[in-house]
Amino acid sequence: MPVTFEDVRQLALNLPGVEESTSYRTPAFKIKGKIVVRFHQDGESLVIPVEFADREILMAEQPETFYITDHYLNYPLLLVRLATVRADQLPDLLRQAWRRAAPKSLVADEAWVSRP
C-alpha cells in the first residue's frame, strides 16, 4: 500500500518537539522553526533534509524513490516520492532529519527512540 501524507504526519508528530506548520505554502513539520519534512509543491513528494553523502547513496540505490531537481542541487535536501517509498524507510528518514534540525540538548536525550 502506498505511503500517504497522513502516514508522514503521524510519524513526524511522534517526534519530540515537532509541530505542524507550513513551508512554501505546503504542509510542513518543524522543530524550533527548522524543517524536519515538508510536502513538496508537486503534490507527490516529500522534501527531507539529509547529509549530501547520504543523499547520493540513496539516489544511487533507489533512483525511482529518491531524487533531486536542479533547485536542490546545492542544498542538503532530498526529494522522496510517496508512491514508491517503502513504509519501513520513513521512520528512519524522519528520525535522521529530526536529528539534523533538533536542538543538541533534545538529541542527547534519545529515550524517545524506543517508542513505536
N, C-alpha and C. Protein backbone atom coordinates (compact mmCIF):
# COMPACT_ATOMS: atom_id res chain seq x y z
N MET A 1 0.83 -1.18 0.00
CA MET A 1 0.00 0.00 0.00
C MET A 1 0.88 1.25 0.00
N PRO A 2 0.60 2.22 -0.86
CA PRO A 2 1.45 3.42 -0.91
C PRO A 2 1.38 4.23 0.39
N VAL A 3 2.47 4.91 0.66
CA VAL A 3 2.56 5.80 1.81
C VAL A 3 1.75 7.06 1.50
N THR A 4 1.03 7.56 2.49
CA THR A 4 0.27 8.79 2.32
C THR A 4 0.90 9.91 3.15
N PHE A 5 0.48 11.12 2.86
CA PHE A 5 0.98 12.22 3.67
C PHE A 5 0.47 12.11 5.10
N GLU A 6 -0.68 11.51 5.30
CA GLU A 6 -1.18 11.29 6.66
C GLU A 6 -0.24 10.35 7.43
N ASP A 7 0.31 9.35 6.77
CA ASP A 7 1.31 8.48 7.40
C ASP A 7 2.52 9.31 7.84
N VAL A 8 2.96 10.20 6.98
CA VAL A 8 4.10 11.06 7.29
C VAL A 8 3.75 11.96 8.48
N ARG A 9 2.55 12.53 8.46
CA ARG A 9 2.10 13.40 9.54
C ARG A 9 2.17 12.68 10.89
N GLN A 10 1.65 11.48 10.94
CA GLN A 10 1.65 10.72 12.20
C GLN A 10 3.06 10.45 12.69
N LEU A 11 3.94 10.03 11.79
CA LEU A 11 5.33 9.77 12.17
C LEU A 11 6.02 11.04 12.65
N ALA A 12 5.85 12.12 11.91
CA ALA A 12 6.52 13.37 12.26
C ALA A 12 6.05 13.91 13.61
N LEU A 13 4.76 13.86 13.85
CA LEU A 13 4.24 14.41 15.10
C LEU A 13 4.57 13.55 16.31
N ASN A 14 5.05 12.33 16.09
CA ASN A 14 5.50 11.49 17.20
C ASN A 14 6.93 11.81 17.62
N LEU A 15 7.63 12.62 16.84
CA LEU A 15 8.98 13.01 17.19
C LEU A 15 8.93 14.17 18.18
N PRO A 16 9.77 14.16 19.22
CA PRO A 16 9.73 15.19 20.25
C PRO A 16 9.90 16.60 19.70
N GLY A 17 9.02 17.48 20.12
CA GLY A 17 9.13 18.90 19.77
C GLY A 17 8.66 19.28 18.38
N VAL A 18 8.23 18.32 17.57
CA VAL A 18 7.82 18.62 16.20
C VAL A 18 6.42 19.21 16.18
N GLU A 19 6.26 20.26 15.41
CA GLU A 19 4.97 20.92 15.27
C GLU A 19 4.59 21.02 13.81
N GLU A 20 3.30 20.97 13.56
CA GLU A 20 2.81 21.13 12.19
C GLU A 20 2.86 22.61 11.82
N SER A 21 3.27 22.88 10.60
CA SER A 21 3.45 24.25 10.13
C SER A 21 3.26 24.26 8.61
N THR A 22 3.81 25.28 7.97
CA THR A 22 3.82 25.35 6.52
C THR A 22 5.20 25.82 6.06
N SER A 23 5.49 25.52 4.81
CA SER A 23 6.72 25.99 4.18
C SER A 23 6.45 26.06 2.69
N TYR A 24 6.70 27.20 2.10
CA TYR A 24 6.40 27.41 0.68
C TYR A 24 4.95 27.02 0.37
N ARG A 25 4.06 27.40 1.27
CA ARG A 25 2.62 27.17 1.14
C ARG A 25 2.24 25.69 1.08
N THR A 26 3.09 24.85 1.63
CA THR A 26 2.77 23.43 1.70
C THR A 26 2.83 22.98 3.15
N PRO A 27 2.14 21.89 3.51
CA PRO A 27 2.23 21.38 4.88
C PRO A 27 3.68 21.01 5.20
N ALA A 28 4.07 21.31 6.43
CA ALA A 28 5.44 21.02 6.86
C ALA A 28 5.43 20.67 8.34
N PHE A 29 6.52 20.05 8.76
CA PHE A 29 6.71 19.70 10.16
C PHE A 29 8.07 20.22 10.56
N LYS A 30 8.09 21.02 11.63
CA LYS A 30 9.31 21.71 12.04
C LYS A 30 9.56 21.51 13.52
N ILE A 31 10.81 21.73 13.90
CA ILE A 31 11.18 21.79 15.30
C ILE A 31 11.98 23.07 15.48
N LYS A 32 11.51 23.91 16.38
CA LYS A 32 12.16 25.21 16.62
C LYS A 32 12.36 25.98 15.32
N GLY A 33 11.38 25.89 14.41
CA GLY A 33 11.42 26.62 13.16
C GLY A 33 12.22 25.97 12.05
N LYS A 34 12.88 24.85 12.34
CA LYS A 34 13.68 24.17 11.32
C LYS A 34 12.88 23.01 10.73
N ILE A 35 13.00 22.85 9.43
CA ILE A 35 12.25 21.82 8.70
C ILE A 35 12.75 20.42 9.08
N VAL A 36 11.80 19.55 9.39
CA VAL A 36 12.07 18.13 9.54
C VAL A 36 11.63 17.43 8.25
N VAL A 37 10.46 17.81 7.76
CA VAL A 37 9.94 17.28 6.50
C VAL A 37 8.84 18.22 6.02
N ARG A 38 8.72 18.33 4.72
CA ARG A 38 7.61 19.10 4.16
C ARG A 38 7.10 18.42 2.91
N PHE A 39 5.87 18.72 2.58
CA PHE A 39 5.25 18.21 1.36
C PHE A 39 5.72 19.10 0.22
N HIS A 40 6.21 18.50 -0.84
CA HIS A 40 6.69 19.27 -1.99
C HIS A 40 5.49 19.81 -2.76
N GLN A 41 5.69 20.92 -3.41
CA GLN A 41 4.60 21.55 -4.16
C GLN A 41 4.13 20.73 -5.35
N ASP A 42 4.84 19.67 -5.73
CA ASP A 42 4.37 18.81 -6.82
C ASP A 42 3.21 17.92 -6.38
N GLY A 43 2.96 17.86 -5.06
CA GLY A 43 1.86 17.07 -4.53
C GLY A 43 2.12 15.58 -4.51
N GLU A 44 3.35 15.18 -4.83
CA GLU A 44 3.68 13.76 -4.90
C GLU A 44 4.93 13.37 -4.13
N SER A 45 5.65 14.35 -3.60
CA SER A 45 6.94 14.08 -2.98
C SER A 45 7.08 14.79 -1.64
N LEU A 46 8.05 14.33 -0.86
CA LEU A 46 8.44 14.98 0.37
C LEU A 46 9.79 15.65 0.16
N VAL A 47 10.06 16.66 0.95
CA VAL A 47 11.38 17.29 0.99
C VAL A 47 11.93 17.01 2.39
N ILE A 48 13.08 16.35 2.44
CA ILE A 48 13.66 15.96 3.72
C ILE A 48 15.13 16.39 3.75
N PRO A 49 15.56 17.04 4.84
CA PRO A 49 16.97 17.39 4.98
C PRO A 49 17.81 16.12 5.18
N VAL A 50 18.93 16.03 4.47
CA VAL A 50 19.86 14.91 4.61
C VAL A 50 21.29 15.40 4.39
N GLU A 51 22.23 14.59 4.83
CA GLU A 51 23.64 14.87 4.53
C GLU A 51 23.85 14.63 3.03
N PHE A 52 24.73 15.40 2.41
CA PHE A 52 24.98 15.23 0.98
C PHE A 52 25.41 13.80 0.64
N ALA A 53 26.29 13.22 1.46
CA ALA A 53 26.77 11.86 1.18
C ALA A 53 25.62 10.85 1.24
N ASP A 54 24.75 10.99 2.23
CA ASP A 54 23.60 10.08 2.34
C ASP A 54 22.67 10.25 1.15
N ARG A 55 22.50 11.48 0.73
CA ARG A 55 21.63 11.76 -0.41
C ARG A 55 22.13 11.03 -1.66
N GLU A 56 23.43 11.10 -1.90
CA GLU A 56 24.00 10.45 -3.07
C GLU A 56 23.80 8.94 -3.02
N ILE A 57 23.99 8.36 -1.87
CA ILE A 57 23.82 6.91 -1.71
C ILE A 57 22.37 6.52 -1.97
N LEU A 58 21.43 7.23 -1.35
CA LEU A 58 20.01 6.90 -1.53
C LEU A 58 19.59 7.04 -2.99
N MET A 59 20.02 8.11 -3.64
CA MET A 59 19.64 8.31 -5.04
C MET A 59 20.24 7.24 -5.94
N ALA A 60 21.45 6.80 -5.63
CA ALA A 60 22.09 5.75 -6.44
C ALA A 60 21.40 4.41 -6.24
N GLU A 61 21.00 4.13 -4.99
CA GLU A 61 20.38 2.83 -4.69
C GLU A 61 18.93 2.73 -5.14
N GLN A 62 18.18 3.84 -5.04
CA GLN A 62 16.75 3.81 -5.36
C GLN A 62 16.34 5.08 -6.11
N PRO A 63 16.80 5.25 -7.34
CA PRO A 63 16.50 6.48 -8.08
C PRO A 63 15.02 6.66 -8.38
N GLU A 64 14.24 5.61 -8.33
CA GLU A 64 12.80 5.74 -8.55
C GLU A 64 12.10 6.37 -7.35
N THR A 65 12.77 6.37 -6.21
CA THR A 65 12.19 6.92 -4.98
C THR A 65 12.87 8.21 -4.54
N PHE A 66 14.18 8.24 -4.58
CA PHE A 66 14.95 9.37 -4.07
C PHE A 66 15.57 10.14 -5.23
N TYR A 67 15.38 11.46 -5.23
CA TYR A 67 15.87 12.27 -6.34
C TYR A 67 15.98 13.72 -5.90
N ILE A 68 16.56 14.54 -6.75
CA ILE A 68 16.58 15.99 -6.55
C ILE A 68 16.29 16.64 -7.90
N THR A 69 15.93 17.89 -7.83
CA THR A 69 15.82 18.72 -9.03
C THR A 69 17.01 19.68 -9.00
N ASP A 70 17.22 20.40 -10.08
CA ASP A 70 18.32 21.37 -10.13
C ASP A 70 18.24 22.36 -8.97
N HIS A 71 17.03 22.71 -8.58
CA HIS A 71 16.85 23.67 -7.48
C HIS A 71 17.52 23.19 -6.19
N TYR A 72 17.49 21.89 -5.92
CA TYR A 72 18.01 21.34 -4.67
C TYR A 72 19.47 20.91 -4.75
N LEU A 73 20.09 21.07 -5.89
CA LEU A 73 21.44 20.58 -6.12
C LEU A 73 22.43 21.02 -5.03
N ASN A 74 22.38 22.27 -4.62
CA ASN A 74 23.35 22.80 -3.65
C ASN A 74 22.81 22.88 -2.22
N TYR A 75 21.70 22.24 -1.97
CA TYR A 75 21.10 22.24 -0.64
C TYR A 75 21.09 20.81 -0.09
N PRO A 76 21.31 20.64 1.21
CA PRO A 76 21.30 19.29 1.79
C PRO A 76 19.86 18.79 1.98
N LEU A 77 19.16 18.65 0.87
CA LEU A 77 17.76 18.22 0.87
C LEU A 77 17.58 17.11 -0.15
N LEU A 78 16.59 16.27 0.11
CA LEU A 78 16.29 15.14 -0.75
C LEU A 78 14.80 15.10 -1.02
N LEU A 79 14.44 14.80 -2.25
CA LEU A 79 13.04 14.60 -2.61
C LEU A 79 12.74 13.11 -2.54
N VAL A 80 11.58 12.78 -1.97
CA VAL A 80 11.19 11.39 -1.76
C VAL A 80 9.79 11.19 -2.34
N ARG A 81 9.67 10.31 -3.32
CA ARG A 81 8.37 10.04 -3.93
C ARG A 81 7.52 9.18 -3.00
N LEU A 82 6.37 9.70 -2.60
CA LEU A 82 5.47 8.96 -1.72
C LEU A 82 4.99 7.66 -2.37
N ALA A 83 4.80 7.66 -3.68
CA ALA A 83 4.25 6.49 -4.38
C ALA A 83 5.20 5.30 -4.36
N THR A 84 6.50 5.55 -4.17
CA THR A 84 7.45 4.44 -4.25
C THR A 84 8.26 4.22 -2.98
N VAL A 85 8.23 5.15 -2.04
CA VAL A 85 8.99 4.94 -0.80
C VAL A 85 8.34 3.81 0.00
N ARG A 86 9.17 2.98 0.60
CA ARG A 86 8.65 1.90 1.45
C ARG A 86 8.30 2.46 2.81
N ALA A 87 7.20 2.01 3.35
CA ALA A 87 6.74 2.49 4.66
C ALA A 87 7.79 2.25 5.74
N ASP A 88 8.56 1.19 5.62
CA ASP A 88 9.57 0.90 6.64
C ASP A 88 10.79 1.82 6.54
N GLN A 89 10.94 2.57 5.46
CA GLN A 89 12.04 3.52 5.31
C GLN A 89 11.75 4.85 5.98
N LEU A 90 10.49 5.21 6.05
CA LEU A 90 10.12 6.54 6.55
C LEU A 90 10.55 6.84 7.97
N PRO A 91 10.32 5.95 8.94
CA PRO A 91 10.71 6.31 10.31
C PRO A 91 12.18 6.70 10.43
N ASP A 92 13.06 5.94 9.79
CA ASP A 92 14.49 6.25 9.88
C ASP A 92 14.82 7.56 9.17
N LEU A 93 14.23 7.79 8.01
CA LEU A 93 14.46 9.05 7.30
C LEU A 93 14.04 10.25 8.15
N LEU A 94 12.88 10.13 8.78
CA LEU A 94 12.37 11.24 9.60
C LEU A 94 13.19 11.42 10.87
N ARG A 95 13.62 10.31 11.49
CA ARG A 95 14.46 10.43 12.69
C ARG A 95 15.78 11.12 12.36
N GLN A 96 16.37 10.76 11.22
CA GLN A 96 17.63 11.41 10.83
C GLN A 96 17.42 12.89 10.55
N ALA A 97 16.32 13.23 9.88
CA ALA A 97 16.02 14.64 9.60
C ALA A 97 15.76 15.38 10.90
N TRP A 98 15.07 14.72 11.83
CA TRP A 98 14.80 15.32 13.15
C TRP A 98 16.11 15.62 13.85
N ARG A 99 17.04 14.68 13.83
CA ARG A 99 18.35 14.88 14.49
C ARG A 99 19.10 16.07 13.90
N ARG A 100 18.96 16.29 12.60
CA ARG A 100 19.63 17.43 11.95
C ARG A 100 19.03 18.75 12.43
N ALA A 101 17.72 18.77 12.68
CA ALA A 101 17.03 20.01 13.00
C ALA A 101 16.88 20.28 14.50
N ALA A 102 16.87 19.24 15.31
CA ALA A 102 16.57 19.39 16.74
C ALA A 102 17.74 20.01 17.49
N PRO A 103 17.41 20.72 18.57
CA PRO A 103 18.47 21.24 19.44
C PRO A 103 19.31 20.09 20.00
N LYS A 104 20.59 20.33 20.17
CA LYS A 104 21.50 19.28 20.65
C LYS A 104 21.05 18.70 21.99
N SER A 105 20.49 19.53 22.85
CA SER A 105 20.05 19.03 24.15
C SER A 105 18.92 18.00 24.01
N LEU A 106 18.06 18.18 23.04
CA LEU A 106 16.97 17.25 22.81
C LEU A 106 17.49 15.97 22.15
N VAL A 107 18.44 16.10 21.24
CA VAL A 107 19.02 14.94 20.57
C VAL A 107 19.78 14.07 21.58
N ALA A 108 20.39 14.71 22.57
CA ALA A 108 21.15 13.97 23.57
C ALA A 108 20.26 13.03 24.39
N ASP A 109 18.99 13.38 24.54
CA ASP A 109 18.05 12.54 25.27
C ASP A 109 17.35 11.61 24.28
N GLU A 110 17.97 10.49 24.00
CA GLU A 110 17.47 9.58 22.96
C GLU A 110 16.51 8.54 23.49
N ALA A 111 15.91 8.74 24.65
CA ALA A 111 14.95 7.77 25.19
C ALA A 111 13.75 7.59 24.27
N TRP A 112 13.42 8.62 23.50
CA TRP A 112 12.26 8.56 22.61
C TRP A 112 12.44 7.58 21.46
N VAL A 113 13.69 7.20 21.16
CA VAL A 113 13.96 6.31 20.03
C VAL A 113 13.25 4.98 20.18
N SER A 114 13.08 4.51 21.39
CA SER A 114 12.47 3.20 21.60
C SER A 114 10.97 3.22 21.47
N ARG A 115 10.38 4.41 21.36
CA ARG A 115 8.92 4.48 21.18
C ARG A 115 8.53 3.96 19.82
N PRO A 116 7.37 3.30 19.73
CA PRO A 116 6.91 2.80 18.42
C PRO A 116 6.54 3.92 17.49
